[in-house]
Amino acid sequence: MTSKAFAAALVLCGLSAAACGNTAGGATAGSARNEEPASRTATQATPAVLATGSSPTAGKSLAAKPLAKPLSGKVVVVDPGHNGLNYKHPSKINKQVNVLTQWKACDTTGTATNSGYSEAAFTWDVSQRLVKILRDRGATVKLTRHDNSGVGPCITERAAIGNKAKADAAISVHADGASASGHGFHVIMPKKINGPVDPVVDASRKLGLAVRASIKSVAGMPYSTYVGSKALSFRDDLGGLNLSTVPKIFVECGNMRNAGDAAKFQDPAFRQKMALSLADGMQNYLK
């Protein structure tokens, strides 16, 4: 380029290289325009991108903290009624124990459906499912028995396990053996007996009401047609309740001698729903 042409170019560009589409790195004006939206996108980047810049959160993990489980810090005792080999050891389970209002057998064999499905097997299965749900929700859970191939323990010992654990709630899982014409579930709660259970009678009633509501809505079981009032029964003859110093209830999930209830009990899907209903009811009470 001649000196005259160079001078003319300077005048045309206003003595500015940028005005002629040049940058310090030699990019064209067109590429500079294309970079502008990219610059805005960077400004509007996600928090994870911004954290790599001058943000106060730079270098810190942005992962959300896990939510606390609903039953964290709670202690629950699950008492599966009876035991699988009780029937083989009558001398042990018939031993009389003091339940404060009377003397009763240490334990019993429980009942069974007409097809031979035992109450002990049913309560063990439901309890195992219940324990898993409660533990998944953060609860510390203790069982009164650890298999379905043993004997007992006595009703007095079952109560003592809950007391020793200082449980926030305890539940004894059962199924009834009434006349075949009756069906439905009911919840048994303690009465005051001038004994250790008296201070937790009111709390036990609240627990019972919460579990009753959940069984009806989640498991879909109707109220008992043969015992209690609206599925509620108050008793003072059960050692597991009389000797309890923690809120505790018994649940008779239905009548094993009734064909309709028995069919449900033998369905694993129903047993899972029953376990879920018990867990939900206990959670509603504990929260």
Protein backbone atom coordinates (compact mmCIF):
# COMPACT_ATOMS: atom_id res chain seq x y z
CA MET A 1 0.00 0.00 0.00
CA THR A 2 1.27 3.53 -0.88
CA SER A 3 1.59 6.14 1.83
CA LYS A 4 -1.34 8.03 0.33
CA ALA A 5 -3.58 4.97 0.39
CA PHE A 6 -2.57 4.18 3.99
CA ALA A 7 -3.44 7.72 5.09
CA ALA A 8 -6.84 7.45 3.42
CA ALA A 9 -7.56 4.20 5.20
CA LEU A 10 -6.76 5.77 8.58
CA VAL A 11 -9.16 8.60 7.89
CA LEU A 12 -11.88 6.16 6.82
CA CYS A 13 -11.50 4.04 9.94
CA GLY A 14 -11.42 7.03 12.22
CA LEU A 15 -7.89 6.01 13.36
CA SER A 16 -9.48 2.98 15.14
CA ALA A 17 -8.62 -0.60 14.33
CA ALA A 18 -11.78 -1.78 16.10
CA ALA A 19 -13.90 0.37 13.78
CA CYS A 20 -12.45 -1.56 10.82
CA GLY A 21 -13.58 -4.86 12.38
CA ASN A 22 -10.22 -5.78 13.92
CA THR A 23 -9.50 -6.78 17.52
CA ALA A 24 -6.32 -7.23 19.39
CA GLY A 25 -6.42 -10.92 18.39
CA GLY A 26 -7.26 -10.13 14.78
CA ALA A 27 -10.89 -11.32 14.85
CA THR A 28 -13.32 -9.94 12.32
CA ALA A 29 -16.21 -7.71 13.19
CA GLY A 30 -18.60 -10.50 12.34
CA SER A 31 -16.99 -12.90 14.81
CA ALA A 32 -17.03 -10.23 17.49
CA ARG A 33 -20.80 -9.92 17.10
CA ASN A 34 -21.15 -13.67 17.34
CA GLU A 35 -19.29 -13.70 20.64
CA GLU A 36 -21.54 -11.16 22.29
CA PRO A 37 -24.49 -13.51 22.86
CA ALA A 38 -22.05 -16.10 24.13
CA SER A 39 -20.81 -13.60 26.68
CA ARG A 40 -24.38 -13.03 27.86
CA THR A 41 -24.97 -16.77 28.12
CA ALA A 42 -21.98 -17.12 30.38
CA THR A 43 -23.34 -14.38 32.60
CA GLN A 44 -26.64 -16.24 32.86
CA ALA A 45 -25.08 -19.68 33.43
CA THR A 46 -26.28 -22.21 35.98
CA PRO A 47 -25.11 -21.87 39.61
CA ALA A 48 -22.69 -24.76 39.08
CA VAL A 49 -20.98 -22.80 36.28
CA LEU A 50 -20.99 -19.53 38.18
CA ALA A 51 -19.45 -21.26 41.17
CA THR A 52 -16.24 -21.68 39.18
CA GLY A 53 -15.86 -17.94 38.85
CA SER A 54 -15.61 -15.24 41.48
CA SER A 55 -18.84 -16.29 43.26
CA PRO A 56 -18.62 -16.69 47.07
CA THR A 57 -19.68 -20.30 46.57
CA ALA A 58 -16.68 -21.12 44.39
CA GLY A 59 -15.14 -24.45 45.30
CA LYS A 60 -18.10 -25.50 47.47
CA SER A 61 -20.40 -28.42 46.72
CA LEU A 62 -23.87 -27.33 45.63
CA ALA A 63 -25.44 -30.73 46.26
CA ALA A 64 -28.60 -30.53 48.36
CA LYS A 65 -28.46 -32.01 51.84
CA PRO A 66 -30.51 -35.22 52.16
CA LEU A 67 -33.85 -34.71 53.84
CA ALA A 68 -34.18 -36.09 57.36
CA LYS A 69 -36.17 -39.32 57.52
CA PRO A 70 -39.56 -38.86 59.21
CA LEU A 71 -38.93 -41.31 62.04
CA SER A 72 -35.29 -40.51 62.75
CA GLY A 73 -34.64 -40.62 66.49
CA LYS A 74 -37.79 -42.62 67.24
CA VAL A 75 -37.73 -46.04 68.92
CA VAL A 76 -40.48 -48.49 68.03
CA VAL A 77 -41.14 -52.00 69.37
CA VAL A 78 -42.93 -54.50 67.14
CA ASP A 79 -44.42 -57.55 68.86
CA PRO A 80 -45.43 -60.36 66.47
CA GLY A 81 -48.06 -62.33 68.34
CA HIS A 82 -47.39 -65.93 69.47
CA ASN A 83 -44.62 -68.08 67.93
CA GLY A 84 -44.43 -70.90 65.40
CA LEU A 85 -43.55 -73.71 67.80
CA ASN A 86 -45.68 -72.71 70.77
CA TYR A 87 -48.01 -75.62 70.08
CA LYS A 88 -45.16 -78.09 70.63
CA HIS A 89 -44.33 -76.81 74.10
CA PRO A 90 -47.56 -76.59 76.12
CA SER A 91 -45.79 -76.83 79.47
CA LYS A 92 -43.79 -73.69 78.69
CA ILE A 93 -46.53 -71.55 77.25
CA ASN A 94 -49.13 -72.62 79.81
CA LYS A 95 -46.98 -71.45 82.71
CA GLN A 96 -49.00 -68.90 84.68
CA VAL A 97 -47.72 -65.31 84.92
CA ASN A 98 -49.02 -62.31 86.82
CA VAL A 99 -50.54 -59.59 84.62
CA LEU A 100 -51.62 -57.55 87.67
CA THR A 101 -55.35 -57.97 87.18
CA GLN A 102 -55.14 -61.76 87.03
CA TRP A 103 -52.87 -64.72 86.35
CA LYS A 104 -52.67 -65.87 82.74
CA ALA A 105 -50.79 -68.30 80.53
CA CYS A 106 -47.28 -67.22 79.54
CA ASP A 107 -48.37 -67.30 75.88
CA THR A 108 -50.79 -69.18 73.61
CA THR A 109 -50.62 -70.97 70.28
CA GLY A 110 -52.81 -68.42 68.55
CA THR A 111 -55.38 -69.36 65.92
CA ALA A 112 -55.34 -70.32 62.24
CA THR A 113 -57.41 -70.17 59.06
CA ASN A 114 -59.51 -73.18 58.05
CA SER A 115 -56.75 -74.07 55.59
CA GLY A 116 -54.14 -74.15 58.35
CA TYR A 117 -52.36 -70.82 57.85
CA SER A 118 -51.36 -69.95 61.40
CA GLU A 119 -51.72 -66.67 63.21
CA ALA A 120 -48.06 -66.93 64.24
CA ALA A 121 -46.98 -67.13 60.60
CA PHE A 122 -49.25 -64.23 59.63
CA THR A 123 -48.09 -61.95 62.44
CA TRP A 124 -44.43 -62.78 61.74
CA ASP A 125 -44.77 -61.95 58.05
CA VAL A 126 -46.63 -58.69 58.62
CA SER A 127 -44.18 -57.70 61.36
CA GLN A 128 -41.16 -58.33 59.15
CA ARG A 129 -42.65 -56.09 56.47
CA LEU A 130 -43.52 -53.47 59.10
CA VAL A 131 -40.00 -53.46 60.52
CA LYS A 132 -38.49 -52.84 57.08
CA ILE A 133 -40.80 -49.89 56.41
CA LEU A 134 -40.15 -48.32 59.81
CA ARG A 135 -36.38 -48.70 59.49
CA ASP A 136 -36.45 -47.25 55.98
CA ARG A 137 -38.16 -44.23 57.53
CA GLY A 138 -35.38 -43.83 60.08
CA ALA A 139 -36.83 -45.51 63.18
CA THR A 140 -34.87 -47.73 65.54
CA VAL A 141 -36.96 -50.91 65.71
CA LYS A 142 -36.81 -53.75 68.22
CA LEU A 143 -38.65 -57.05 67.90
CA THR A 144 -39.96 -59.15 70.76
CA ARG A 145 -39.07 -62.33 68.85
CA HIS A 146 -36.59 -62.88 66.04
CA ASP A 147 -38.01 -65.87 64.14
CA ASN A 148 -41.12 -67.99 63.80
CA SER A 149 -39.50 -71.25 64.83
CA GLY A 150 -39.27 -70.79 68.58
CA VAL A 151 -41.38 -70.59 71.73
CA GLY A 152 -42.71 -67.46 73.43
CA PRO A 153 -41.53 -65.18 74.90
CA CYS A 154 -44.04 -64.80 77.71
CA ILE A 155 -46.41 -61.85 77.58
CA THR A 156 -44.62 -60.35 80.58
CA GLU A 157 -41.30 -60.46 78.73
CA ARG A 158 -42.82 -58.89 75.64
CA ALA A 159 -43.94 -55.91 77.69
CA ALA A 160 -40.53 -55.69 79.38
CA ILE A 161 -38.76 -55.43 76.00
CA GLY A 162 -40.71 -52.29 75.13
CA ASN A 163 -40.16 -50.82 78.58
CA LYS A 164 -36.42 -51.45 78.51
CA ALA A 165 -36.15 -49.86 75.07
CA LYS A 166 -38.05 -46.80 76.32
CA ALA A 167 -40.01 -47.05 73.11
CA ASP A 168 -41.88 -44.09 71.71
CA ALA A 169 -44.55 -46.55 70.62
CA ALA A 170 -45.13 -50.30 70.68
CA ILE A 171 -47.53 -52.44 68.69
CA SER A 172 -48.53 -56.07 69.10
CA VAL A 173 -49.66 -57.65 65.82
CA HIS A 174 -52.40 -60.31 65.99
CA ALA A 175 -55.28 -61.86 64.06
CA ASP A 176 -58.45 -63.05 65.77
CA GLY A 177 -60.13 -66.45 65.91
CA ALA A 178 -63.78 -65.59 66.40
CA SER A 179 -67.02 -66.99 64.97
CA ALA A 180 -66.84 -67.37 61.20
CA SER A 181 -69.70 -64.94 60.72
CA GLY A 182 -67.70 -61.99 62.06
CA HIS A 183 -65.19 -60.06 60.02
CA GLY A 184 -63.07 -56.89 60.11
CA PHE A 185 -60.29 -55.51 62.30
CA HIS A 186 -60.18 -53.89 65.70
CA VAL A 187 -57.62 -52.12 67.88
CA ILE A 188 -57.20 -53.00 71.56
CA MET A 189 -56.07 -50.30 73.99
CA PRO A 190 -55.29 -50.39 77.73
CA LYS A 191 -57.43 -49.26 80.62
CA LYS A 192 -56.19 -47.72 83.83
CA ILE A 193 -55.61 -50.42 86.44
CA ASN A 194 -53.72 -48.53 89.16
CA GLY A 195 -50.60 -49.98 87.61
CA PRO A 196 -47.61 -49.12 85.39
CA VAL A 197 -49.72 -48.61 82.27
CA ASP A 198 -51.81 -45.80 83.76
CA PRO A 199 -49.53 -42.89 82.72
CA VAL A 200 -49.57 -43.99 79.06
CA VAL A 201 -53.26 -44.88 78.68
CA ASP A 202 -54.10 -41.58 76.99
CA ALA A 203 -51.09 -41.76 74.68
CA SER A 204 -51.97 -45.36 73.82
CA ARG A 205 -55.46 -44.25 72.84
CA LYS A 206 -54.03 -41.63 70.50
CA LEU A 207 -51.79 -44.27 68.96
CA GLY A 208 -54.77 -46.58 68.56
CA LEU A 209 -56.87 -43.94 66.84
CA ALA A 210 -54.07 -43.13 64.40
CA VAL A 211 -53.56 -46.79 63.52
CA ARG A 212 -57.31 -47.43 63.21
CA ALA A 213 -57.67 -44.62 60.67
CA SER A 214 -54.72 -45.88 58.67
CA ILE A 215 -55.85 -49.51 58.54
CA LYS A 216 -59.22 -48.50 57.18
CA SER A 217 -57.83 -46.13 54.55
CA VAL A 218 -54.62 -47.91 53.50
CA ALA A 219 -55.38 -51.61 54.01
CA GLY A 220 -59.06 -51.17 53.19
CA MET A 221 -60.23 -53.35 56.06
CA PRO A 222 -63.67 -52.68 57.53
CA TYR A 223 -64.32 -52.20 61.22
CA SER A 224 -64.98 -55.35 63.20
CA THR A 225 -68.58 -56.52 63.11
CA TYR A 226 -68.28 -58.67 66.23
CA VAL A 227 -66.25 -56.86 68.89
CA GLY A 228 -65.66 -53.31 70.08
CA SER A 229 -67.24 -50.05 69.02
CA LYS A 230 -66.07 -48.67 65.68
CA ALA A 231 -63.09 -51.03 65.84
CA LEU A 232 -62.02 -49.87 69.31
CA SER A 233 -61.78 -52.18 72.30
CA PHE A 234 -60.49 -51.28 75.78
CA ARG A 235 -59.21 -54.12 77.99
CA ASP A 236 -57.52 -54.65 81.33
CA ASP A 237 -56.73 -58.35 81.06
CA LEU A 238 -53.80 -58.33 78.63
CA GLY A 239 -50.36 -58.53 80.21
CA GLY A 240 -48.73 -56.97 77.18
CA LEU A 241 -50.73 -53.82 77.88
CA ASN A 242 -51.10 -53.88 81.66
CA LEU A 243 -47.34 -54.11 82.20
CA SER A 244 -46.35 -51.57 79.57
CA THR A 245 -44.82 -48.25 80.61
CA VAL A 246 -44.73 -47.03 76.99
CA PRO A 247 -47.65 -46.24 74.65
CA LYS A 248 -48.80 -49.58 73.30
CA ILE A 249 -51.70 -51.17 71.43
CA PHE A 250 -52.76 -54.58 70.12
CA VAL A 251 -54.11 -54.86 66.58
CA GLU A 252 -56.38 -57.72 65.60
CA CYS A 253 -55.99 -57.41 61.83
CA GLY A 254 -59.14 -59.41 61.16
CA ASN A 255 -60.80 -62.76 61.83
CA MET A 256 -58.87 -65.79 60.60
CA ARG A 257 -61.99 -67.94 60.88
CA ASN A 258 -63.89 -65.76 58.45
CA ALA A 259 -63.46 -66.86 54.83
CA GLY A 260 -63.13 -63.35 53.44
CA ASP A 261 -60.59 -62.17 56.00
CA ALA A 262 -58.66 -65.45 55.73
CA ALA A 263 -58.31 -65.06 51.97
CA LYS A 264 -56.83 -61.60 52.45
CA PHE A 265 -54.41 -62.79 55.11
CA GLN A 266 -53.00 -65.42 52.75
CA ASP A 267 -52.32 -62.82 50.03
CA PRO A 268 -48.78 -61.33 50.28
CA ALA A 269 -49.99 -58.10 48.64
CA PHE A 270 -52.54 -57.63 51.40
CA ARG A 271 -49.97 -58.36 54.11
CA GLN A 272 -47.80 -55.65 52.62
CA LYS A 273 -50.72 -53.21 52.67
CA MET A 274 -51.44 -54.11 56.27
CA ALA A 275 -47.80 -53.50 57.22
CA LEU A 276 -47.86 -50.16 55.41
CA SER A 277 -51.06 -49.13 57.17
CA LEU A 278 -49.53 -49.95 60.57
CA ALA A 279 -46.39 -47.99 59.72
CA ASP A 280 -48.37 -44.98 58.49
CA GLY A 281 -50.55 -44.99 61.57
CA MET A 282 -47.56 -45.13 63.90
CA GLN A 283 -45.83 -42.38 61.96
CA ASN A 284 -48.90 -40.17 62.13
CA TYR A 285 -48.92 -40.66 65.90
CA LEU A 286 -45.20 -40.15 66.38
CA LYS A 287 -44.89 -36.98 64.35
